[in-house]
Amino acid sequence: MMGYQYCSDKFQLGGFSKIPSATVKTAAIRECPIRIEVIIENIAPQDDFAIIICKIKSIFVDTSILHDNNHIDVTKWQPLLYQFRSYTTTSASLGQNFRFEEYLDATKPAN
């Protein structure tokens, strides 16, 4: 109805390799250079959002993006960000979701 399609294997669709997580019971993406595994301890619904309390079980960082043992080299890591139906990295726009135009139309004041 909204223009989306169901896909049972999103790892295959995205071309990602599925690997077991080290400390939680779910799959992880091998190609992801930073991974944080958490256990959800509490979900507190609010009016328009929820507060989620998590316990970090482990953090994995690919050594190829490290500056040193304590810092990530931000010139070597370009995370994919999704904001208001637009895909970006920290330095470039990568494109929009197919419903992006709908979003822009909805932001215009009615005449």
Protein backbone atom coordinates (compact mmCIF):
# COMPACT_ATOMS: atom_id res chain seq x y z
CA MET A 1 0.00 0.00 0.00
CA MET A 2 2.86 2.41 0.80
CA GLY A 3 5.07 1.27 -2.10
CA TYR A 4 7.37 -1.04 -0.14
CA GLN A 5 7.97 -4.73 -0.85
CA TYR A 6 8.61 -7.52 1.63
CA CYS A 7 11.97 -9.30 1.39
CA SER A 8 12.70 -12.28 3.64
CA ASP A 9 16.50 -12.09 3.16
CA LYS A 10 17.59 -8.48 3.51
CA PHE A 11 21.24 -9.51 3.88
CA GLN A 12 21.22 -11.05 0.39
CA LEU A 13 19.25 -8.14 -1.08
CA GLY A 14 21.85 -5.66 0.27
CA GLY A 15 24.80 -7.85 -0.74
CA PHE A 16 25.93 -8.29 2.88
CA SER A 17 27.51 -11.27 4.62
CA LYS A 18 25.63 -12.58 7.66
CA ILE A 19 27.78 -13.55 10.65
CA PRO A 20 26.81 -14.53 14.19
CA SER A 21 27.03 -11.83 16.83
CA ALA A 22 29.53 -12.44 19.60
CA THR A 23 27.41 -11.60 22.64
CA VAL A 24 23.74 -11.37 21.58
CA LYS A 25 21.38 -13.73 19.77
CA THR A 26 21.06 -12.08 16.36
CA ALA A 27 22.96 -11.87 13.09
CA ALA A 28 25.52 -9.18 12.35
CA ILE A 29 26.81 -7.68 9.08
CA ARG A 30 30.45 -8.61 8.35
CA GLU A 31 30.96 -5.50 6.15
CA CYS A 32 29.92 -3.08 8.92
CA PRO A 33 33.12 -1.46 10.29
CA ILE A 34 31.54 -0.52 13.64
CA ARG A 35 29.11 -2.75 15.51
CA ILE A 36 27.63 -2.29 18.97
CA GLU A 37 25.85 -5.28 20.53
CA VAL A 38 23.33 -4.41 23.25
CA ILE A 39 20.67 -5.98 25.42
CA ILE A 40 17.46 -3.95 25.80
CA GLU A 41 16.72 -3.62 29.51
CA ASN A 42 13.64 -1.39 29.42
CA ILE A 43 11.31 0.35 26.97
CA ALA A 44 9.33 3.28 28.36
CA PRO A 45 6.73 4.56 25.88
CA GLN A 46 6.22 8.33 25.90
CA ASP A 47 3.75 10.46 23.92
CA ASP A 48 5.44 10.43 20.51
CA PHE A 49 8.54 8.32 21.23
CA ALA A 50 9.99 5.74 23.58
CA ILE A 51 12.93 5.80 25.94
CA ILE A 52 14.98 2.64 25.47
CA ILE A 53 17.51 1.64 28.11
CA CYS A 54 20.24 -0.70 26.81
CA LYS A 55 23.23 -2.42 28.31
CA ILE A 56 26.23 -2.48 25.96
CA LYS A 57 27.58 -6.02 25.73
CA SER A 58 30.36 -5.41 23.21
CA ILE A 59 31.71 -2.91 20.68
CA PHE A 60 33.60 -3.96 17.55
CA VAL A 61 35.65 -1.57 15.40
CA ASP A 62 37.50 -2.62 12.25
CA THR A 63 41.17 -1.78 12.81
CA SER A 64 41.44 -0.34 9.29
CA ILE A 65 39.47 2.76 10.39
CA LEU A 66 41.42 3.41 13.59
CA HIS A 67 43.72 6.41 13.99
CA ASP A 68 45.24 4.85 17.11
CA ASN A 69 44.03 2.52 19.88
CA ASN A 70 41.61 5.13 21.24
CA HIS A 71 40.35 7.07 18.22
CA ILE A 72 38.53 6.44 14.94
CA ASP A 73 39.99 8.17 11.89
CA VAL A 74 36.94 10.02 10.59
CA THR A 75 38.54 10.37 7.14
CA LYS A 76 38.46 6.56 6.80
CA TRP A 77 34.88 5.98 7.97
CA GLN A 78 31.86 7.30 6.12
CA PRO A 79 28.74 6.03 7.91
CA LEU A 80 25.47 5.79 5.99
CA LEU A 81 22.94 8.16 7.52
CA TYR A 82 19.21 8.14 6.82
CA GLN A 83 17.50 11.39 7.67
CA PHE A 84 14.05 12.44 6.52
CA ARG A 85 14.03 10.02 3.56
CA SER A 86 17.46 11.17 2.39
CA TYR A 87 20.63 9.03 2.39
CA THR A 88 23.90 10.78 3.21
CA THR A 89 27.34 10.24 4.68
CA THR A 90 29.10 12.75 6.88
CA SER A 91 30.35 14.53 3.75
CA ALA A 92 28.06 13.79 0.77
CA SER A 93 24.47 13.22 -0.29
CA LEU A 94 23.91 9.75 -1.75
CA GLY A 95 20.28 10.01 -2.87
CA GLN A 96 16.72 9.96 -1.62
CA ASN A 97 14.13 7.37 -0.71
CA PHE A 98 11.50 6.91 -3.42
CA ARG A 99 8.98 8.74 -1.18
CA PHE A 100 11.23 11.81 -0.71
CA GLU A 101 9.11 13.97 -3.03
CA GLU A 102 6.04 13.13 -0.92
CA TYR A 103 7.92 14.38 2.12
CA LEU A 104 8.83 17.66 0.38
CA ASP A 105 5.21 18.16 -0.74
CA ALA A 106 3.99 17.56 2.83
CA THR A 107 6.29 20.29 4.16
CA LYS A 108 4.83 22.96 1.87
CA PRO A 109 2.06 25.09 3.38
CA ALA A 110 -1.42 24.49 1.95
CA ASN A 111 -2.82 27.31 -0.23
